[in-house]
Each structure stands twice: as C-alpha cells, then as structure tokens.
N, C-alpha and C. Protein backbone atom coordinates (compact mmCIF):
# COMPACT_ATOMS: atom_id res chain seq x y z
N MET A 1 -104.08 -20.17 102.35
CA MET A 1 -104.37 -21.46 103.04
C MET A 1 -105.66 -22.01 102.15
N ASN A 2 -105.79 -23.12 102.02
CA ASN A 2 -106.84 -23.94 101.38
C ASN A 2 -107.79 -24.57 102.29
N ARG A 3 -109.03 -24.76 101.73
CA ARG A 3 -110.25 -25.22 102.55
C ARG A 3 -109.97 -26.52 103.48
N VAL A 4 -109.04 -27.36 102.83
CA VAL A 4 -108.67 -28.42 103.70
C VAL A 4 -108.01 -27.82 104.85
N GLU A 5 -106.99 -27.46 104.74
CA GLU A 5 -106.11 -26.88 105.91
C GLU A 5 -107.20 -26.13 106.86
N ILE A 6 -107.65 -25.17 106.52
CA ILE A 6 -108.54 -24.39 107.36
C ILE A 6 -109.57 -25.53 108.15
N GLU A 7 -110.23 -26.34 107.63
CA GLU A 7 -111.16 -27.28 108.42
C GLU A 7 -110.32 -28.40 109.19
N GLU A 8 -108.81 -28.36 108.79
CA GLU A 8 -108.15 -29.44 109.78
C GLU A 8 -107.60 -28.69 111.02
N LYS A 9 -107.38 -27.21 110.77
CA LYS A 9 -107.18 -26.47 111.65
C LYS A 9 -108.28 -26.16 113.04
N VAL A 10 -109.44 -26.09 112.15
CA VAL A 10 -110.64 -25.78 113.09
C VAL A 10 -110.85 -26.71 113.94
N LYS A 11 -110.71 -27.95 113.10
CA LYS A 11 -111.40 -29.37 113.93
C LYS A 11 -110.24 -29.77 115.05
N ALA A 12 -108.72 -29.26 114.69
CA ALA A 12 -108.00 -29.57 115.69
C ALA A 12 -108.15 -28.61 117.05
N PHE A 13 -108.43 -27.57 116.79
CA PHE A 13 -108.84 -26.58 117.87
C PHE A 13 -110.14 -26.76 118.51
N LEU A 14 -110.96 -27.14 117.94
CA LEU A 14 -112.58 -27.85 118.69
C LEU A 14 -112.09 -28.88 119.38
N ILE A 15 -111.40 -29.94 118.94
CA ILE A 15 -110.99 -31.23 119.87
C ILE A 15 -109.95 -30.98 120.98
N GLU A 16 -108.96 -30.02 120.63
CA GLU A 16 -107.87 -29.83 121.58
C GLU A 16 -108.49 -28.83 122.67
N GLU A 17 -108.91 -27.75 122.28
CA GLU A 17 -108.98 -26.70 123.18
C GLU A 17 -110.41 -26.86 123.88
N LEU A 18 -111.44 -27.22 122.91
CA LEU A 18 -112.75 -27.16 123.48
C LEU A 18 -113.28 -28.55 123.89
N GLU A 19 -112.60 -29.27 123.85
CA GLU A 19 -112.66 -30.74 124.18
C GLU A 19 -114.09 -31.40 123.64
N ILE A 20 -114.37 -31.12 122.01
CA ILE A 20 -115.54 -31.42 121.40
C ILE A 20 -115.00 -32.69 120.93
N GLU A 21 -115.96 -34.10 121.15
CA GLU A 21 -115.53 -35.43 120.53
C GLU A 21 -115.54 -35.12 119.02
N GLU A 22 -114.51 -35.83 118.52
CA GLU A 22 -114.33 -35.69 116.82
C GLU A 22 -115.66 -36.20 116.21
N GLU A 23 -116.34 -37.31 116.82
CA GLU A 23 -117.58 -37.67 115.98
C GLU A 23 -118.58 -36.59 115.82
N ASN A 24 -118.38 -35.63 116.65
CA ASN A 24 -119.69 -34.67 116.91
C ASN A 24 -119.32 -33.83 115.69
N ILE A 25 -117.96 -33.67 115.14
CA ILE A 25 -117.54 -32.54 114.04
C ILE A 25 -117.55 -33.19 112.63
N PHE A 26 -118.52 -32.85 112.03
CA PHE A 26 -118.96 -32.98 110.48
C PHE A 26 -119.22 -31.74 109.93
N PRO A 27 -119.52 -31.71 108.44
CA PRO A 27 -119.74 -30.61 107.94
C PRO A 27 -121.08 -29.81 108.31
N GLU A 28 -122.15 -30.58 108.63
CA GLU A 28 -123.63 -30.00 109.02
C GLU A 28 -123.76 -30.16 110.39
N ALA A 29 -122.90 -30.23 111.02
CA ALA A 29 -122.96 -30.48 112.44
C ALA A 29 -123.25 -28.97 112.93
N LYS A 30 -124.31 -28.79 113.84
CA LYS A 30 -124.68 -27.69 114.44
C LYS A 30 -123.77 -27.09 115.53
N LEU A 31 -123.31 -26.08 115.48
CA LEU A 31 -122.21 -25.50 116.40
C LEU A 31 -122.67 -25.65 117.85
N LYS A 32 -124.01 -25.46 118.03
CA LYS A 32 -124.70 -25.35 119.11
C LYS A 32 -125.31 -26.57 119.65
N ALA A 33 -126.14 -27.22 118.85
CA ALA A 33 -126.78 -28.33 119.11
C ALA A 33 -125.95 -29.88 118.97
N ASP A 34 -125.05 -29.77 117.63
CA ASP A 34 -124.72 -31.02 117.83
C ASP A 34 -123.18 -30.90 118.58
N MET A 35 -122.58 -29.89 118.76
CA MET A 35 -121.26 -29.74 119.29
C MET A 35 -121.07 -29.11 120.49
N GLY A 36 -122.36 -28.60 121.12
CA GLY A 36 -122.65 -28.24 122.43
C GLY A 36 -121.87 -26.70 122.74
N ILE A 37 -121.56 -26.06 121.65
CA ILE A 37 -120.69 -24.80 121.85
C ILE A 37 -121.50 -23.82 122.46
N ASP A 38 -121.16 -23.15 123.63
CA ASP A 38 -121.97 -22.18 124.08
C ASP A 38 -121.36 -20.69 124.01
N SER A 39 -122.20 -19.88 124.83
CA SER A 39 -121.51 -18.30 124.54
C SER A 39 -120.14 -18.32 125.15
N LEU A 40 -119.84 -18.78 126.17
CA LEU A 40 -118.44 -18.91 126.69
C LEU A 40 -117.48 -19.60 125.87
N ASP A 41 -118.02 -20.54 125.23
CA ASP A 41 -116.91 -21.12 124.12
C ASP A 41 -116.64 -20.39 123.24
N PHE A 42 -117.54 -19.50 122.51
CA PHE A 42 -117.53 -18.66 121.35
C PHE A 42 -116.58 -17.62 121.94
N VAL A 43 -116.42 -17.27 123.20
CA VAL A 43 -115.37 -16.20 123.65
C VAL A 43 -113.93 -16.79 123.28
N ASP A 44 -113.65 -17.96 123.65
CA ASP A 44 -112.46 -18.70 123.48
C ASP A 44 -112.11 -18.73 122.03
N ILE A 45 -113.08 -19.07 121.26
CA ILE A 45 -113.12 -19.43 119.95
C ILE A 45 -112.63 -18.12 119.29
N VAL A 46 -113.05 -16.97 119.60
CA VAL A 46 -112.65 -15.86 118.85
C VAL A 46 -111.13 -15.63 119.19
N VAL A 47 -110.72 -15.84 120.47
CA VAL A 47 -109.16 -15.65 120.72
C VAL A 47 -108.53 -16.87 119.77
N ILE A 48 -108.81 -17.96 119.95
CA ILE A 48 -108.11 -19.07 119.21
C ILE A 48 -108.06 -18.71 117.64
N VAL A 49 -109.08 -18.16 116.83
CA VAL A 49 -109.13 -17.81 115.69
C VAL A 49 -108.27 -16.63 115.45
N GLU A 50 -108.33 -15.54 116.16
CA GLU A 50 -107.03 -14.66 116.12
C GLU A 50 -105.88 -15.01 116.02
N ARG A 51 -105.48 -16.07 117.13
CA ARG A 51 -104.31 -16.68 117.10
C ARG A 51 -103.95 -17.41 115.96
N ASN A 52 -104.78 -18.19 115.53
CA ASN A 52 -104.33 -19.17 114.44
C ASN A 52 -104.27 -18.74 113.18
N PHE A 53 -105.40 -17.74 112.91
CA PHE A 53 -105.80 -17.21 111.33
C PHE A 53 -105.63 -15.74 111.25
N GLY A 54 -105.15 -14.81 112.43
CA GLY A 54 -104.71 -13.70 112.43
C GLY A 54 -105.77 -12.64 112.12
N PHE A 55 -107.13 -12.95 112.34
CA PHE A 55 -108.15 -11.67 112.24
C PHE A 55 -109.08 -11.90 113.38
N LYS A 56 -109.83 -11.00 113.71
CA LYS A 56 -110.83 -10.78 114.62
C LYS A 56 -112.40 -10.96 114.23
N ILE A 57 -112.97 -12.17 114.91
CA ILE A 57 -114.04 -12.40 114.56
C ILE A 57 -115.24 -11.28 114.93
N LYS A 58 -116.14 -10.85 114.26
CA LYS A 58 -117.04 -9.91 114.40
C LYS A 58 -118.20 -10.34 114.60
N ALA A 59 -118.91 -10.33 115.59
CA ALA A 59 -120.32 -10.74 115.98
C ALA A 59 -121.32 -10.76 114.82
N GLU A 60 -121.55 -9.53 114.30
CA GLU A 60 -122.55 -9.16 113.48
C GLU A 60 -122.25 -10.09 112.12
N GLU A 61 -121.08 -10.28 111.62
CA GLU A 61 -120.59 -11.28 110.58
C GLU A 61 -120.86 -12.75 110.93
N MET A 62 -121.29 -13.33 112.12
CA MET A 62 -121.25 -14.53 112.63
C MET A 62 -122.93 -14.78 112.32
N VAL A 63 -123.71 -13.97 112.21
CA VAL A 63 -125.08 -14.19 112.00
C VAL A 63 -125.43 -15.40 110.96
N GLY A 64 -125.99 -16.32 111.32
CA GLY A 64 -126.43 -17.28 110.23
C GLY A 64 -125.06 -18.44 110.07
N VAL A 65 -124.29 -18.44 110.79
CA VAL A 65 -123.06 -19.22 110.90
C VAL A 65 -123.46 -20.15 111.90
N ASP A 66 -124.12 -21.20 111.37
CA ASP A 66 -124.52 -22.16 112.57
C ASP A 66 -124.18 -23.67 112.47
N THR A 67 -123.21 -23.94 111.39
CA THR A 67 -122.91 -25.24 111.13
C THR A 67 -121.39 -24.94 111.00
N PHE A 68 -120.64 -26.44 111.24
CA PHE A 68 -118.97 -26.43 110.95
C PHE A 68 -118.60 -25.85 109.78
N SER A 69 -119.43 -26.33 108.79
CA SER A 69 -119.05 -25.91 107.49
C SER A 69 -119.20 -24.63 107.07
N LYS A 70 -120.31 -23.76 107.59
CA LYS A 70 -120.52 -22.42 107.67
C LYS A 70 -119.44 -21.58 108.19
N PHE A 71 -118.92 -22.12 109.48
CA PHE A 71 -117.87 -21.63 110.19
C PHE A 71 -116.71 -21.60 109.42
N CYS A 72 -116.43 -22.86 108.70
CA CYS A 72 -115.29 -22.90 107.89
C CYS A 72 -115.27 -22.00 106.71
N ASP A 73 -116.61 -21.89 106.19
CA ASP A 73 -116.80 -20.92 104.98
C ASP A 73 -116.08 -19.36 105.42
N TYR A 74 -116.82 -19.15 106.67
CA TYR A 74 -116.49 -17.65 107.21
C TYR A 74 -114.95 -17.55 107.26
N ILE A 75 -114.27 -18.50 107.97
CA ILE A 75 -112.96 -18.08 108.01
C ILE A 75 -112.43 -18.26 106.74
N GLU A 76 -112.54 -18.90 105.93
CA GLU A 76 -111.92 -18.91 104.41
C GLU A 76 -112.02 -17.68 103.69
N SER A 77 -113.34 -16.92 104.02
CA SER A 77 -113.59 -15.61 103.25
C SER A 77 -112.77 -14.64 103.94
N LYS A 78 -112.35 -14.90 105.25
CA LYS A 78 -111.57 -13.84 105.83
C LYS A 78 -109.99 -14.00 105.60
N VAL A 79 -109.54 -15.33 105.42
CA VAL A 79 -107.97 -15.35 105.14
C VAL A 79 -107.72 -15.59 103.90
N ASN A 80 -108.66 -15.55 102.81
CA ASN A 80 -108.22 -15.55 101.36
C ASN A 80 -108.56 -14.52 100.79
C-alpha cells in the first residue's frame, strides 16, 4: 500500500467515522488542536486502524505522533 492510498484511507475514516471536517485535515494538522480528536476518538481510531490496516496501535508507539502526516507515517511504517 503506497503513501497516497494510506492518506486517502485515513482521511476517509476521519471524515466518515469521526465526522471531522475535510478542511481540517491537512499534513500539518494537529490531531487534537486542529481536528478535535479526543481520547474517546482515539479508542475508535485503534479499532478502525486494526480493521482497515490489519495491525493494532500500541500507545507507546504513538508518542510524538501529533499531526495527520506523522499519523500516516506511523501507519505506513507498520503496513510496509
């Protein structure tokens, strides 16, 4: 799966499942500040990522993952 496919899939589930406005999703968008993702949303994200990408997010690996771009980097590192 290439980077563009990963970004499209992530963007799609953020819009559809978490109801984040598309204009709030851009590479340097902060997950919490710009997109409004809270701790309950992260629980949903763990389930969605496992369903869509086939791996389980580990909290300790998410340290420093604070933007859309870094989140996609993390997913890319796990699926490739």
